[in-house]
């Protein structure tokens, strides 16, 4: 039985399993996650079944979904380790997007460092947000609440937070003209099979290589640094969950 522990700090937290595997969660997304500090205390989650935590994803509560996704990410990391699989390290922070002047880059959720990088390369960026106060238009950048703006985009980088607010399928409708959609962020560390079946070309996230160091840095309010590595899994290169589970079984029998 997998044992789970949890830590909460500002926008990110960590759930770890007894085997050393861990997953990140994103919190403090507004009123829907208010009171996380009192609702989910680390000492109350110690000894929890990670699979049971993951099942809370089926509910509509976004705070519970955050924890459920973290549990799924930890379980995913555990299966990867048992199967001897390491997700490919991302070559850069742009999620496989080649920045060419004239490209129309779309984003679901604002990724400020990527926006700056794209604009510096002469790429126009359209960002779809859910927060009205972020709406802004200037040459080369449009931040809008209208997802239909994505219909003119060539490539789209989408936030994994859609897995928390359950907007993925609705947003993908507006991505149908893009040649590539990438899901990116710490909440995207789950098995990508279902995502790729929906047309996601690649999934990028953070792999915690040292859960104890990551936890200590979160507690100190520091960046994860070398306790985590950024990865990018392309749909055409991902072996699939069934193959990974078969590897786990073979390695267990060896």
Protein backbone atom coordinates (compact mmCIF):
# COMPACT_ATOMS: atom_id res chain seq x y z
CA UNK A 1 0.00 0.00 0.00
CA UNK A 2 1.48 3.32 -0.99
CA UNK A 3 1.91 5.85 1.78
CA UNK A 4 1.55 9.56 0.98
CA UNK A 5 2.72 12.71 2.65
CA UNK A 6 1.92 16.24 1.56
CA UNK A 7 3.36 19.72 1.85
CA UNK A 8 1.72 22.98 1.06
CA UNK A 9 3.60 26.18 0.26
CA UNK A 10 2.32 29.23 -1.65
CA UNK A 11 1.47 28.07 -5.15
CA UNK A 12 3.08 24.65 -5.17
CA UNK A 13 3.10 21.58 -2.96
CA UNK A 14 4.37 18.04 -2.99
CA UNK A 15 2.95 14.59 -2.34
CA UNK A 16 5.49 11.83 -1.85
CA UNK A 17 5.17 8.06 -1.75
CA UNK A 18 6.93 5.63 0.53
CA UNK A 19 9.16 4.48 -2.36
CA UNK A 20 10.58 7.99 -2.80
CA UNK A 21 8.49 8.93 -5.83
CA UNK A 22 6.75 12.29 -5.67
CA UNK A 23 4.42 14.60 -7.57
CA UNK A 24 3.78 18.33 -7.49
CA UNK A 25 0.49 20.11 -7.08
CA UNK A 26 -0.49 23.66 -7.89
CA UNK A 27 -2.66 25.50 -5.39
CA UNK A 28 -4.05 28.93 -4.56
CA UNK A 29 -5.95 29.35 -7.82
CA UNK A 30 -8.49 31.73 -6.32
CA UNK A 31 -11.71 31.26 -4.34
CA UNK A 32 -12.11 27.63 -5.42
CA UNK A 33 -8.98 26.75 -3.48
CA UNK A 34 -9.32 29.11 -0.57
CA UNK A 35 -8.48 27.65 2.81
CA UNK A 36 -6.04 25.01 1.53
CA UNK A 37 -3.85 25.56 4.58
CA UNK A 38 -6.59 24.51 6.97
CA UNK A 39 -8.42 22.01 4.77
CA UNK A 40 -5.38 19.87 3.99
CA UNK A 41 -2.83 19.56 6.75
CA UNK A 42 0.28 17.51 6.04
CA UNK A 43 -0.03 15.48 9.24
CA UNK A 44 -3.57 14.46 8.31
CA UNK A 45 -2.46 13.06 4.96
CA UNK A 46 0.48 11.01 6.22
CA UNK A 47 -0.33 7.34 5.71
CA UNK A 48 -3.06 8.02 3.13
CA UNK A 49 -3.49 5.71 0.16
CA UNK A 50 -2.27 7.59 -2.92
CA UNK A 51 -4.71 5.72 -5.16
CA UNK A 52 -7.58 6.79 -2.91
CA UNK A 53 -6.36 10.39 -3.09
CA UNK A 54 -6.16 10.15 -6.89
CA UNK A 55 -9.82 9.10 -7.05
CA UNK A 56 -10.86 12.51 -5.71
CA UNK A 57 -10.15 13.82 -9.20
CA UNK A 58 -13.59 12.56 -10.23
CA UNK A 59 -15.22 15.15 -7.95
CA UNK A 60 -15.84 18.77 -8.82
CA UNK A 61 -13.86 20.37 -6.01
CA UNK A 62 -10.76 22.04 -7.51
CA UNK A 63 -8.83 21.91 -4.24
CA UNK A 64 -9.26 18.14 -4.07
CA UNK A 65 -8.41 17.91 -7.76
CA UNK A 66 -5.07 19.58 -7.07
CA UNK A 67 -4.22 16.94 -4.50
CA UNK A 68 -5.57 14.17 -6.72
CA UNK A 69 -3.38 15.28 -9.63
CA UNK A 70 -0.35 15.37 -7.35
CA UNK A 71 -1.13 11.82 -6.22
CA UNK A 72 -1.50 10.76 -9.88
CA UNK A 73 1.84 12.38 -10.68
CA UNK A 74 3.51 10.56 -7.80
CA UNK A 75 2.00 7.26 -8.94
CA UNK A 76 3.14 8.00 -12.49
CA UNK A 77 6.69 8.66 -11.26
CA UNK A 78 6.61 5.42 -9.29
CA UNK A 79 5.54 3.37 -12.32
CA UNK A 80 8.20 5.07 -14.45
CA UNK A 81 10.90 4.16 -11.93
CA UNK A 82 9.69 0.57 -11.63
CA UNK A 83 9.57 0.26 -15.42
CA UNK A 84 13.03 1.76 -15.86
CA UNK A 85 11.61 4.60 -17.93
CA UNK A 86 12.85 8.19 -17.72
CA UNK A 87 10.90 10.86 -19.62
CA UNK A 88 13.15 12.73 -22.09
CA UNK A 89 14.73 15.88 -20.72
CA UNK A 90 13.30 18.96 -22.43
CA UNK A 91 15.76 20.61 -24.79
CA UNK A 92 14.53 24.07 -23.81
CA UNK A 93 11.69 25.85 -22.07
CA UNK A 94 9.66 26.41 -25.25
CA UNK A 95 8.06 22.95 -25.22
CA UNK A 96 9.42 21.98 -28.62
CA UNK A 97 8.09 25.09 -30.39
CA UNK A 98 10.48 26.52 -32.99
CA UNK A 99 10.26 30.31 -32.87
CA UNK A 100 10.13 31.61 -36.43
CA UNK A 101 9.10 35.18 -37.31
CA UNK A 102 5.58 35.09 -38.68
CA UNK A 103 4.51 32.22 -36.42
CA UNK A 104 1.30 32.83 -34.50
CA UNK A 105 1.77 31.28 -31.07
CA UNK A 106 -1.21 30.65 -28.85
CA UNK A 107 -1.20 30.06 -25.12
CA UNK A 108 -3.91 28.82 -22.83
CA UNK A 109 -2.86 30.44 -19.59
CA UNK A 110 -0.17 33.09 -19.35
CA UNK A 111 3.43 31.89 -19.38
CA UNK A 112 5.27 35.25 -18.99
CA UNK A 113 8.84 33.93 -19.57
CA UNK A 114 7.72 32.13 -22.74
CA UNK A 115 5.79 35.18 -23.92
CA UNK A 116 8.91 37.33 -23.55
CA UNK A 117 11.04 34.75 -25.34
CA UNK A 118 8.58 34.45 -28.22
CA UNK A 119 8.17 38.19 -28.67
CA UNK A 120 11.94 38.69 -28.64
CA UNK A 121 12.08 36.27 -31.57
CA UNK A 122 9.49 38.24 -33.53
CA UNK A 123 6.63 35.83 -32.84
CA UNK A 124 3.14 37.20 -32.20
CA UNK A 125 1.46 35.72 -29.13
CA UNK A 126 -2.20 35.26 -28.29
CA UNK A 127 -2.95 34.33 -24.69
CA UNK A 128 -6.34 33.07 -23.53
CA UNK A 129 -6.88 33.70 -19.82
CA UNK A 130 -9.72 33.25 -17.35
CA UNK A 131 -8.90 36.38 -15.32
CA UNK A 132 -10.50 39.57 -16.63
CA UNK A 133 -7.91 41.87 -15.06
CA UNK A 134 -5.22 40.33 -17.29
CA UNK A 135 -6.89 41.35 -20.56
CA UNK A 136 -4.41 43.43 -22.55
CA UNK A 137 -3.59 44.22 -26.18
CA UNK A 138 -0.41 45.69 -27.62
CA UNK A 139 1.59 45.10 -30.82
CA UNK A 140 2.62 41.45 -30.90
CA UNK A 141 0.61 40.44 -27.82
CA UNK A 142 -3.08 39.88 -27.18
CA UNK A 143 -4.37 38.60 -23.84
CA UNK A 144 -8.06 37.81 -24.13
CA UNK A 145 -10.88 35.93 -22.44
CA UNK A 146 -12.16 34.62 -25.79
CA UNK A 147 -10.93 31.08 -26.57
CA UNK A 148 -12.00 31.52 -30.22
CA UNK A 149 -8.84 33.64 -30.62
CA UNK A 150 -6.91 30.36 -30.65
CA UNK A 151 -8.40 29.47 -34.04
CA UNK A 152 -5.82 31.68 -35.75
CA UNK A 153 -2.83 30.13 -33.96
CA UNK A 154 -0.29 27.81 -35.59
CA UNK A 155 1.05 26.29 -32.37
CA UNK A 156 -0.46 26.29 -28.90
CA UNK A 157 1.11 25.85 -25.48
CA UNK A 158 -1.56 25.03 -22.91
CA UNK A 159 -1.38 25.09 -19.15
CA UNK A 160 -1.78 21.85 -17.26
CA UNK A 161 -4.01 23.78 -14.86
CA UNK A 162 -6.85 22.93 -17.25
CA UNK A 163 -6.76 19.50 -15.64
CA UNK A 164 -7.75 21.17 -12.38
CA UNK A 165 -10.54 23.40 -13.67
CA UNK A 166 -11.83 20.73 -16.08
CA UNK A 167 -11.63 23.01 -19.12
CA UNK A 168 -9.40 20.82 -21.30
CA UNK A 169 -12.02 19.40 -23.66
CA UNK A 170 -13.80 22.74 -24.06
CA UNK A 171 -10.55 24.52 -24.91
CA UNK A 172 -9.36 21.86 -27.34
CA UNK A 173 -12.37 22.63 -29.53
CA UNK A 174 -10.74 25.99 -30.26
CA UNK A 175 -7.34 24.42 -30.97
CA UNK A 176 -8.45 22.34 -33.93
CA UNK A 177 -6.67 24.47 -36.55
CA UNK A 178 -3.31 24.42 -34.79
CA UNK A 179 -0.75 21.95 -36.11
CA UNK A 180 0.47 21.21 -32.60
CA UNK A 181 -0.82 21.54 -29.03
CA UNK A 182 1.48 21.00 -26.07
CA UNK A 183 0.32 20.65 -22.47
CA UNK A 184 2.82 22.14 -20.06
CA UNK A 185 3.27 22.64 -16.33
CA UNK A 186 3.75 20.91 -12.98
CA UNK A 187 0.14 19.70 -12.99
CA UNK A 188 0.76 17.77 -16.23
CA UNK A 189 2.89 15.04 -14.63
CA UNK A 190 0.26 12.31 -15.00
CA UNK A 191 0.21 9.41 -17.46
CA UNK A 192 -0.33 11.23 -20.79
CA UNK A 193 -2.19 8.44 -22.62
CA UNK A 194 -5.66 10.00 -22.37
CA UNK A 195 -4.29 13.46 -23.17
CA UNK A 196 -2.53 12.24 -26.29
CA UNK A 197 -5.67 10.39 -27.36
CA UNK A 198 -7.36 13.80 -27.35
CA UNK A 199 -4.81 15.20 -29.78
CA UNK A 200 -2.17 16.62 -27.42
CA UNK A 201 1.13 16.35 -29.33
CA UNK A 202 3.43 16.55 -26.32
CA UNK A 203 3.26 16.79 -22.55
CA UNK A 204 5.88 18.63 -20.51
CA UNK A 205 6.34 18.77 -16.78
CA UNK A 206 8.79 18.51 -13.91
CA UNK A 207 10.28 15.24 -12.72
CA UNK A 208 11.35 15.33 -9.08
CA UNK A 209 14.74 13.62 -8.92
CA UNK A 210 15.21 14.32 -5.19
CA UNK A 211 11.90 14.55 -3.35
CA UNK A 212 13.48 15.37 0.01
CA UNK A 213 15.49 18.24 -1.45
CA UNK A 214 12.42 19.46 -3.35
CA UNK A 215 10.36 19.43 -0.15
CA UNK A 216 13.03 21.32 1.76
CA UNK A 217 13.20 23.97 -0.95
CA UNK A 218 9.44 24.37 -1.07
CA UNK A 219 9.41 24.80 2.70
CA UNK A 220 12.10 27.47 2.39
CA UNK A 221 10.26 29.23 -0.42
CA UNK A 222 13.08 28.49 -2.85
CA UNK A 223 13.11 27.31 -6.47
CA UNK A 224 13.32 23.57 -7.00
CA UNK A 225 16.68 23.89 -8.76
CA UNK A 226 18.48 20.62 -9.38
CA UNK A 227 15.95 18.67 -7.29
CA UNK A 228 13.80 18.57 -10.44
CA UNK A 229 14.32 18.31 -14.18
CA UNK A 230 12.09 19.60 -16.96
CA UNK A 231 10.89 16.91 -19.39
CA UNK A 232 8.93 16.77 -22.64
CA UNK A 233 7.22 13.59 -23.84
CA UNK A 234 6.27 13.54 -27.52
CA UNK A 235 3.24 11.46 -28.49
CA UNK A 236 5.19 9.54 -31.13
CA UNK A 237 7.92 8.58 -28.68
CA UNK A 238 5.90 7.71 -25.59
CA UNK A 239 5.76 3.93 -25.00
CA UNK A 240 2.27 3.95 -23.47
CA UNK A 241 0.94 2.88 -20.09
CA UNK A 242 0.30 -0.74 -21.08
CA UNK A 243 3.92 -1.13 -22.21
CA UNK A 244 5.19 0.47 -19.01
CA UNK A 245 3.08 -1.81 -16.82
CA UNK A 246 4.33 -4.82 -18.78
CA UNK A 247 7.89 -3.70 -18.11
CA UNK A 248 7.12 -3.37 -14.41
CA UNK A 249 5.79 -6.92 -14.37
CA UNK A 250 8.80 -8.30 -16.22
CA UNK A 251 11.25 -6.50 -13.95
CA UNK A 252 9.36 -7.77 -10.92
CA UNK A 253 9.65 -11.33 -12.18
CA UNK A 254 13.36 -11.03 -12.95
